[in-house]
Structure formats: structure tokens, C-alpha cells
Amino acid sequence: MEIHTDCLGFYNAPDSTGQTLFKCITDVFLRLNIPIERLKGYCFDGASNMSGRFSGVQARLKEVCPDSLFVHCANHSLDLVLQEVGREISLVAETLNFVQGIATVIRESSKRKELYVSMFGCDDVVNILAICPTRWCVRTIAINRVCSSYTELQKTLKILKDDTSVRGDARAKIGGLYKQSLKGRTLFGLLCCEALFEPCEAVAKDLQINNARAQGALECTNLLRERIVALRDDTVVQGIESKVTAAEQKIADVRQHRASKTPACYRHTTEPEAHAMSTWRQEFFEAVDLLTAELKRRFDQDGMKIAALRENVLIEAANSRGQQQTLELESLPLPQPISDVDRYRLDLQLKMLGDAIGLMEEDQA
């Protein structure tokens, strides 16, 4: 049951349409004398030309190999989940932009690097990292380092914003980052992103190991969903807010959304109505809900479930060492001797043949 991997090479396609890529794949199999009918599975990203249900590469391969399985890359699915959260939740988007801006300002000049390092004194220096533009699952380290060196970054930005030797556009950007660092919302967003991204990065590492399994990917995703759902708790938010308060940040009074009051004729109490939740807490809970929903949607794949089921049957059969086992073959979508399309065509041909024989007999009569 060991995995054997071979790289078939790199091929330059004239364009990226599904039809062209399908022809390239079949051409490679033909040149290497590999029967494409024996293809049992393939894994792509979510692009329409690859994963499209009607004209994508996976749909065209499915026509040639009806019993094959398509699986959307698990690690890429997790990456898309975090992209959706960063695009829809303003708190997460603003925080990631702040981390990237800090890294760009400090790292683009050796003079600024030396000023930043001097803020640590005899302590160990925390190097600032830029955010990876494509891999969303490896951004936790950059967020953690900004959190751990937040005070030193503030001091560095405060000096740089008044430094006349810094060019005007850079100094304006530094001044904006400094004002943003004084807001409690910024540190709150950093701590929230740290809580959301850290478990996702741990799961991403497990999804990329050499002996990764389809069943293991589903189990890791379920555990990740449970971990994220557990963050939707007032005690978690209170803990984050206490850290912001302990850092002596300027926490401005957040404007509450206007509460929709119940008409007096329908109220049977004089108790005041509860106020709406603060904007920070609401945005964090929205991020948690969206992340949970996207995990369920992205990893709810029929191909992954069937692959995990077949995988378990093979492993159990290998571990049984010849012992008899009762397998539920009905629940295991195995390839049929003949596909439904071929069966329909065969029935149609038999019907046409029968009609032709009947017409011949009538003519002879």
C-alpha cells in the first residue's frame, strides 16, 4: 500500500481551454503508451476549465473513464476558504493589509530595518515577514510576529513618520500605518486573525504530507470545523478584548447599530431592550460563521467521499490477511461492467434490430 509517484514532465499547451488541455493529457498518455481507460482518479484546482461539470477537463475525462473519480485538491480548497473570508469580512481584510504594509515599509530600506532592530535592545529581535500573495495557509507566522513586536513597531513608525529623509509618499504611508496601529481595532483584528488562521495552517500541513489519505483529509476538516465553531463564544472575544486593554490601546467607543425597538403596544414589560452587539464582536462572529460554512461547502465533495470509502475497503482488506470480511458493496460505488449510457445504446440497437427483423418477415410474408 505504498504510494509511488512519477512525474510525466512539463508540457506547454497553446491555450488553457478545457478542450485543449484534455487533448494534451490524452496525447501524453498515448505517447507514453499508457491506456487512459485505466485512469481511476485525478485531482485539479477549482478553475472552470479544469473542474467544470460540462466542458471542463474532469468532465471530458469522465466521459472516457466513467468509473474514475475527480477530487478538488484539499489544500487548494482550504486556501479558497480563507480567501473568501478575507474578501468578505472587512476586519480580516484590513488586518492583512496592515500586516503587509508594515512588512513592506520596514523591509524595503536597510536604514528602517536597523531602526526597528534597535528598538529591541538586548532582547531577541523578531523579524517581520511579508504575507505570501498566493498561499493563504502560511500567513500565521507573519501575523504572529506583528503581534509579538507590536510595541517596537509602534515606536519605529512614530520615528519614521517625522523623519524628513524619508520620501514623501512613503512617509504618508508610514503615518497612516502609525495611526492605524494606535487603534484598538487593529490589535483586535490581529488577534482574531491569529485565532482563525493558526488552526487552518496546522491542517494545511497535514493535508500535504506524503502519506495523506482521503479519509484523513475529511477527518482533519471535521476537526477544524469543530475548532472554528468553538471560537464563536463570548468568552473567547472577552479574552481577546482583555489583551487589547492590557496593551493600553486606544479603544474608542464603537458606534452601535440602531436597535429596532418593539412598538409599545406589543411590549408587556418596562425593561429596556438589549443593545446590539459591538461591531468588532459581530465581525469576528461573521468571520467564524463564514469560515465554517465555506469549509462545509468546499469539502463536501462526492469524489472525496467515494475515494475515502474505497480507500477504507482496500486498507481493511489488506489488514485482514485473508480473513473473511463482510463488505457493504452496495454503498461502495464500484465501476459497473457496462455504463448506463452504453446500456441505453445497446437497448436502442437491439430494438432497432428487432424492428428490422420484423419488417423483413412482413416483406417475406
Protein backbone atom coordinates (compact mmCIF):
# COMPACT_ATOMS: atom_id res chain seq x y z
CA MET A 1 0.00 0.00 0.00
CA GLU A 2 2.91 2.37 -0.57
CA ILE A 3 2.43 5.42 -2.76
CA HIS A 4 4.53 5.53 -5.94
CA THR A 5 4.87 8.85 -7.75
CA ASP A 6 6.23 9.57 -11.21
CA CYS A 7 6.49 12.97 -12.87
CA LEU A 8 5.46 12.75 -16.52
CA GLY A 9 7.08 16.07 -17.38
CA PHE A 10 6.05 19.63 -18.14
CA TYR A 11 4.07 20.39 -21.28
CA ASN A 12 3.36 23.75 -22.90
CA ALA A 13 -0.26 23.99 -24.07
CA PRO A 14 -1.17 26.51 -26.80
CA ASP A 15 -4.07 27.78 -24.68
CA SER A 16 -5.82 26.99 -21.40
CA THR A 17 -9.26 25.90 -22.58
CA GLY A 18 -10.69 22.66 -21.28
CA GLN A 19 -10.72 21.04 -24.72
CA THR A 20 -7.07 21.88 -25.43
CA LEU A 21 -5.86 20.66 -22.04
CA PHE A 22 -7.86 17.45 -22.43
CA LYS A 23 -6.22 16.82 -25.79
CA CYS A 24 -2.79 17.45 -24.26
CA ILE A 25 -3.46 14.93 -21.49
CA THR A 26 -4.68 12.24 -23.86
CA ASP A 27 -1.72 12.91 -26.16
CA VAL A 28 0.73 12.44 -23.27
CA PHE A 29 -0.91 9.15 -22.29
CA LEU A 30 -0.78 7.98 -25.90
CA ARG A 31 2.90 8.88 -26.35
CA LEU A 32 3.83 7.10 -23.11
CA ASN A 33 1.77 4.04 -24.11
CA ILE A 34 -0.42 4.29 -21.00
CA PRO A 35 -4.04 3.19 -21.54
CA ILE A 36 -6.12 6.17 -20.46
CA GLU A 37 -9.05 3.81 -19.82
CA ARG A 38 -7.23 2.63 -16.70
CA LEU A 39 -7.26 6.11 -15.20
CA LYS A 40 -9.01 5.87 -11.82
CA GLY A 41 -8.75 9.38 -10.41
CA TYR A 42 -7.50 12.92 -10.97
CA CYS A 43 -7.09 15.98 -8.79
CA PHE A 44 -7.36 19.57 -10.05
CA ASP A 45 -7.99 23.03 -8.67
CA GLY A 46 -11.32 24.83 -8.87
CA ALA A 47 -10.79 26.61 -12.19
CA SER A 48 -13.71 26.18 -14.58
CA ASN A 49 -11.51 24.89 -17.42
CA MET A 50 -10.30 22.06 -15.15
CA SER A 51 -13.22 21.34 -12.80
CA GLY A 52 -16.18 22.40 -14.96
CA ARG A 53 -19.08 19.97 -14.81
CA PHE A 54 -19.95 20.25 -18.51
CA SER A 55 -16.88 21.19 -20.58
CA GLY A 56 -14.03 21.04 -18.05
CA VAL A 57 -11.16 18.57 -18.21
CA GLN A 58 -12.65 16.44 -15.44
CA ALA A 59 -15.99 16.18 -17.31
CA ARG A 60 -14.22 15.14 -20.52
CA LEU A 61 -12.12 12.54 -18.68
CA LYS A 62 -15.29 11.25 -17.03
CA GLU A 63 -16.72 10.51 -20.48
CA VAL A 64 -13.66 8.43 -21.40
CA CYS A 65 -13.35 6.78 -17.95
CA PRO A 66 -16.85 6.56 -16.41
CA ASP A 67 -15.64 4.84 -13.21
CA SER A 68 -12.92 7.43 -12.46
CA LEU A 69 -13.15 9.97 -9.63
CA PHE A 70 -12.48 13.71 -9.60
CA VAL A 71 -11.24 15.29 -6.37
CA HIS A 72 -10.77 19.00 -5.84
CA CYS A 73 -7.33 19.50 -4.26
CA ALA A 74 -7.92 19.58 -0.49
CA ASN A 75 -5.19 22.09 0.30
CA HIS A 76 -6.35 24.38 -2.50
CA SER A 77 -9.91 24.12 -1.17
CA LEU A 78 -8.72 25.27 2.25
CA ASP A 79 -6.86 28.13 0.58
CA LEU A 80 -10.06 29.21 -1.17
CA VAL A 81 -11.92 29.13 2.14
CA LEU A 82 -9.52 31.64 3.67
CA GLN A 83 -9.63 33.77 0.51
CA GLU A 84 -13.40 34.03 0.82
CA VAL A 85 -13.15 35.11 4.47
CA GLY A 86 -10.51 37.72 3.64
CA ARG A 87 -12.61 39.08 0.79
CA GLU A 88 -15.97 39.28 2.58
CA ILE A 89 -15.01 40.27 6.15
CA SER A 90 -13.63 43.81 6.40
CA LEU A 91 -11.95 43.16 9.76
CA VAL A 92 -9.83 40.37 8.28
CA ALA A 93 -9.08 42.31 5.07
CA GLU A 94 -7.95 45.42 6.96
CA THR A 95 -5.75 43.35 9.28
CA LEU A 96 -3.99 41.53 6.44
CA ASN A 97 -3.41 44.81 4.60
CA PHE A 98 -1.90 46.27 7.79
CA VAL A 99 0.49 43.32 8.16
CA GLN A 100 1.56 43.56 4.53
CA GLY A 101 2.01 47.35 4.79
CA ILE A 102 4.17 47.01 7.90
CA ALA A 103 6.38 44.39 6.25
CA THR A 104 6.78 46.50 3.09
CA VAL A 105 7.69 49.69 4.98
CA ILE A 106 10.24 48.04 7.29
CA ARG A 107 11.86 45.68 4.80
CA GLU A 108 12.27 48.00 1.81
CA SER A 109 15.04 50.05 3.47
CA SER A 110 18.12 48.89 5.39
CA LYS A 111 18.01 52.09 7.46
CA ARG A 112 14.47 51.31 8.62
CA LYS A 113 15.49 47.74 9.42
CA GLU A 114 18.32 48.99 11.64
CA LEU A 115 15.97 51.41 13.40
CA TYR A 116 13.47 48.62 14.00
CA VAL A 117 16.17 46.26 15.33
CA SER A 118 17.47 48.95 17.70
CA MET A 119 14.06 49.06 19.44
CA PHE A 120 14.63 45.60 20.92
CA GLY A 121 17.83 46.48 22.79
CA CYS A 122 19.30 43.29 24.25
CA ASP A 123 16.17 41.25 23.58
CA ASP A 124 15.83 38.80 20.72
CA VAL A 125 14.81 40.56 17.54
CA VAL A 126 11.54 39.47 15.91
CA ASN A 127 11.99 39.57 12.14
CA ILE A 128 8.98 40.85 10.22
CA LEU A 129 7.75 38.68 7.35
CA ALA A 130 5.73 39.67 4.31
CA ILE A 131 2.46 37.92 3.55
CA CYS A 132 2.59 35.24 0.87
CA PRO A 133 0.43 36.52 -2.01
CA THR A 134 -0.84 33.10 -3.12
CA ARG A 135 -0.72 30.69 -0.18
CA TRP A 136 -3.20 31.88 2.43
CA CYS A 137 -2.48 28.96 4.75
CA VAL A 138 1.05 30.19 5.59
CA ARG A 139 0.20 33.68 6.83
CA THR A 140 0.05 32.82 10.52
CA ILE A 141 3.76 33.39 11.12
CA ALA A 142 3.61 36.91 9.66
CA ILE A 143 0.59 37.75 11.84
CA ASN A 144 2.21 36.26 14.97
CA ARG A 145 5.39 38.27 14.52
CA VAL A 146 3.49 41.54 14.16
CA CYS A 147 1.56 40.73 17.34
CA SER A 148 4.69 39.84 19.34
CA SER A 149 6.57 43.01 18.25
CA TYR A 150 3.62 45.42 18.28
CA THR A 151 5.19 47.90 20.73
CA GLU A 152 8.52 48.04 18.85
CA LEU A 153 6.68 48.55 15.56
CA GLN A 154 4.74 51.47 17.00
CA LYS A 155 7.94 53.15 18.17
CA THR A 156 9.56 52.61 14.78
CA LEU A 157 6.61 54.05 12.88
CA LYS A 158 6.42 57.04 15.23
CA ILE A 159 10.03 57.98 14.45
CA LEU A 160 9.78 57.33 10.73
CA LYS A 161 6.63 59.39 10.20
CA ASP A 162 8.54 62.54 11.30
CA ASP A 163 11.78 61.67 9.50
CA THR A 164 12.25 64.18 6.68
CA SER A 165 14.82 61.96 4.97
CA VAL A 166 12.03 59.53 4.08
CA ARG A 167 10.43 60.35 0.75
CA GLY A 168 7.01 61.97 0.87
CA ASP A 169 4.84 59.11 -0.38
CA ALA A 170 6.49 56.61 1.96
CA ARG A 171 6.20 59.00 4.91
CA ALA A 172 2.49 59.44 4.23
CA LYS A 173 2.03 55.68 4.17
CA ILE A 174 4.00 55.33 7.41
CA GLY A 175 1.85 57.99 9.05
CA GLY A 176 -1.29 56.11 8.07
CA LEU A 177 0.07 52.84 9.45
CA TYR A 178 1.04 54.57 12.70
CA LYS A 179 -2.47 55.98 13.18
CA GLN A 180 -3.90 52.58 12.43
CA SER A 181 -1.59 50.94 14.99
CA LEU A 182 -2.97 53.24 17.71
CA LYS A 183 -6.47 51.88 17.26
CA GLY A 184 -7.65 49.02 19.38
CA ARG A 185 -9.49 47.61 16.38
CA THR A 186 -6.15 46.88 14.67
CA LEU A 187 -4.77 44.79 17.53
CA PHE A 188 -8.17 43.16 17.96
CA GLY A 189 -8.12 42.18 14.28
CA LEU A 190 -4.60 40.77 14.58
CA LEU A 191 -5.60 38.56 17.50
CA CYS A 192 -8.76 37.44 15.70
CA CYS A 193 -6.85 36.54 12.53
CA GLU A 194 -4.33 34.68 14.64
CA ALA A 195 -7.12 32.61 16.18
CA LEU A 196 -8.67 31.88 12.76
CA PHE A 197 -5.56 31.24 10.65
CA GLU A 198 -3.48 29.20 13.11
CA PRO A 199 -5.64 26.01 13.14
CA CYS A 200 -6.05 26.27 9.35
CA GLU A 201 -2.29 26.27 8.88
CA ALA A 202 -1.93 23.18 11.09
CA VAL A 203 -4.50 21.34 8.96
CA ALA A 204 -2.81 22.52 5.75
CA LYS A 205 0.44 20.86 6.84
CA ASP A 206 -1.37 17.56 7.46
CA LEU A 207 -3.01 17.72 4.04
CA GLN A 208 0.39 17.93 2.31
CA ILE A 209 2.23 15.03 3.91
CA ASN A 210 3.34 12.17 1.65
CA ASN A 211 1.10 9.54 3.26
CA ALA A 212 -2.02 11.73 3.31
CA ARG A 213 -5.31 9.87 2.82
CA ALA A 214 -8.73 10.93 1.63
CA GLN A 215 -10.31 9.77 4.89
CA GLY A 216 -7.67 11.66 6.84
CA ALA A 217 -8.43 14.84 4.90
CA LEU A 218 -12.12 14.56 5.77
CA GLU A 219 -11.36 13.89 9.42
CA CYS A 220 -8.97 16.85 9.62
CA THR A 221 -11.60 19.10 8.06
CA ASN A 222 -14.24 17.99 10.55
CA LEU A 223 -11.88 18.66 13.46
CA LEU A 224 -11.05 22.07 12.01
CA ARG A 225 -14.74 22.94 11.77
CA GLU A 226 -15.24 21.97 15.41
CA ARG A 227 -12.26 24.11 16.40
CA ILE A 228 -13.57 27.12 14.47
CA VAL A 229 -17.12 26.73 15.81
CA ALA A 230 -15.70 26.75 19.35
CA LEU A 231 -14.38 30.27 18.68
CA ARG A 232 -17.94 31.58 18.45
CA ASP A 233 -18.11 32.18 22.16
CA ASP A 234 -18.37 35.38 24.18
CA THR A 235 -15.59 34.21 26.49
CA VAL A 236 -13.20 33.96 23.52
CA VAL A 237 -13.99 37.52 22.44
CA GLN A 238 -13.71 38.78 26.01
CA GLY A 239 -10.27 37.20 26.24
CA ILE A 240 -9.19 38.98 23.06
CA GLU A 241 -10.60 42.30 24.28
CA SER A 242 -8.76 41.91 27.59
CA LYS A 243 -5.48 41.51 25.71
CA VAL A 244 -6.20 44.68 23.78
CA THR A 245 -6.98 46.53 27.00
CA ALA A 246 -3.84 45.18 28.66
CA ALA A 247 -1.78 46.57 25.75
CA GLU A 248 -3.14 50.05 26.65
CA GLN A 249 -4.52 50.65 23.17
CA LYS A 250 -6.95 53.48 22.47
CA ILE A 251 -10.21 51.63 22.34
CA ALA A 252 -12.70 54.14 21.02
CA ASP A 253 -16.39 53.71 21.74
CA VAL A 254 -17.70 51.69 18.86
CA ARG A 255 -20.88 53.08 17.39
CA GLN A 256 -23.72 50.68 17.95
CA HIS A 257 -26.13 49.83 15.21
CA ARG A 258 -29.53 51.39 15.72
CA ALA A 259 -31.68 48.83 17.51
CA SER A 260 -35.13 48.14 16.10
CA LYS A 261 -37.45 48.71 19.05
CA THR A 262 -40.68 46.82 19.52
CA PRO A 263 -43.82 49.02 19.43
CA ALA A 264 -45.10 49.90 22.89
CA CYS A 265 -48.49 48.30 22.24
CA TYR A 266 -46.80 44.90 21.81
CA ARG A 267 -44.50 45.16 24.83
CA HIS A 268 -45.61 43.84 28.18
CA THR A 269 -42.63 44.91 30.24
CA THR A 270 -40.89 48.11 31.22
CA GLU A 271 -37.43 46.58 31.00
CA PRO A 272 -35.18 48.25 28.37
CA GLU A 273 -34.43 46.29 25.26
CA ALA A 274 -30.99 44.74 24.86
CA HIS A 275 -28.46 46.71 22.82
CA ALA A 276 -26.92 45.33 19.66
CA MET A 277 -23.59 43.51 19.78
CA SER A 278 -20.47 45.60 19.23
CA THR A 279 -19.18 45.88 15.68
CA TRP A 280 -15.90 44.14 16.48
CA ARG A 281 -17.54 41.12 18.02
CA GLN A 282 -20.11 40.95 15.26
CA GLU A 283 -17.46 40.96 12.53
CA PHE A 284 -15.47 38.26 14.29
CA PHE A 285 -18.55 36.06 14.59
CA GLU A 286 -19.33 36.70 10.91
CA ALA A 287 -15.82 35.52 10.03
CA VAL A 288 -16.30 32.37 12.14
CA ASP A 289 -19.67 31.61 10.52
CA LEU A 290 -18.38 32.21 7.00
CA LEU A 291 -15.28 30.08 7.59
CA THR A 292 -17.41 27.23 8.94
CA ALA A 293 -19.87 27.42 6.04
CA GLU A 294 -17.11 27.53 3.42
CA LEU A 295 -15.35 24.52 4.96
CA LYS A 296 -18.56 22.53 4.69
CA ARG A 297 -19.21 23.67 1.12
CA ARG A 298 -15.69 23.24 -0.23
CA PHE A 299 -15.03 19.83 1.30
CA ASP A 300 -18.46 18.33 0.65
CA GLN A 301 -17.19 16.50 -2.44
CA ASP A 302 -18.67 13.29 -3.77
CA GLY A 303 -15.32 12.30 -5.24
CA MET A 304 -13.55 12.70 -1.90
CA LYS A 305 -16.20 10.69 -0.06
CA ILE A 306 -16.12 7.84 -2.59
CA ALA A 307 -12.31 7.84 -2.61
CA ALA A 308 -12.28 7.61 1.19
CA LEU A 309 -14.76 4.73 1.10
CA ARG A 310 -12.76 2.77 -1.46
CA GLU A 311 -9.60 3.56 0.46
CA ASN A 312 -11.01 2.13 3.70
CA VAL A 313 -12.14 -1.05 1.94
CA LEU A 314 -8.68 -1.62 0.46
CA ILE A 315 -6.91 -0.97 3.77
CA GLU A 316 -9.28 -3.22 5.70
CA ALA A 317 -8.87 -5.97 3.13
CA ALA A 318 -5.07 -5.64 3.29
CA ASN A 319 -5.04 -5.73 7.08
CA SER A 320 -7.37 -8.75 7.28
CA ARG A 321 -4.68 -11.06 5.82
CA GLY A 322 -7.10 -13.37 4.15
CA GLN A 323 -9.80 -13.35 6.82
CA GLN A 324 -13.33 -13.14 5.59
CA GLN A 325 -14.94 -9.76 5.85
CA THR A 326 -18.45 -8.60 5.12
CA LEU A 327 -18.23 -5.52 2.93
CA GLU A 328 -21.20 -3.33 2.06
CA LEU A 329 -20.62 -3.34 -1.67
CA GLU A 330 -23.93 -1.64 -2.34
CA SER A 331 -22.70 1.52 -0.60
CA LEU A 332 -19.39 1.36 -2.47
CA PRO A 333 -19.78 2.99 -5.93
CA LEU A 334 -17.73 0.49 -7.92
CA PRO A 335 -17.43 0.60 -11.71
CA GLN A 336 -20.19 -1.29 -13.49
CA PRO A 337 -19.48 -3.81 -16.25
CA ILE A 338 -21.37 -1.52 -18.60
CA SER A 339 -22.28 2.10 -18.14
CA ASP A 340 -25.84 3.39 -18.23
CA VAL A 341 -25.16 5.25 -21.47
CA ASP A 342 -23.77 2.14 -23.15
CA ARG A 343 -26.67 0.09 -21.81
CA TYR A 344 -29.12 2.59 -23.29
CA ARG A 345 -27.32 2.50 -26.63
CA LEU A 346 -27.30 -1.32 -26.58
CA ASP A 347 -31.04 -1.47 -25.82
CA LEU A 348 -31.69 1.01 -28.62
CA GLN A 349 -29.63 -1.05 -31.07
CA LEU A 350 -31.44 -4.25 -30.07
CA LYS A 351 -34.78 -2.53 -30.54
CA MET A 352 -33.78 -1.28 -33.99
CA LEU A 353 -32.52 -4.74 -34.89
CA GLY A 354 -35.81 -6.28 -33.76
CA ASP A 355 -37.80 -3.77 -35.79
CA ALA A 356 -35.68 -4.53 -38.86
CA ILE A 357 -36.23 -8.27 -38.45
CA GLY A 358 -39.95 -7.67 -38.11
CA LEU A 359 -40.05 -5.65 -41.32
CA MET A 360 -38.13 -8.38 -43.16
CA GLU A 361 -40.58 -11.02 -42.00
CA GLU A 362 -43.51 -8.88 -43.18
CA ASP A 363 -41.90 -8.46 -46.61
CA GLN A 364 -41.35 -12.22 -46.92
CA ALA A 365 -44.94 -12.87 -45.90
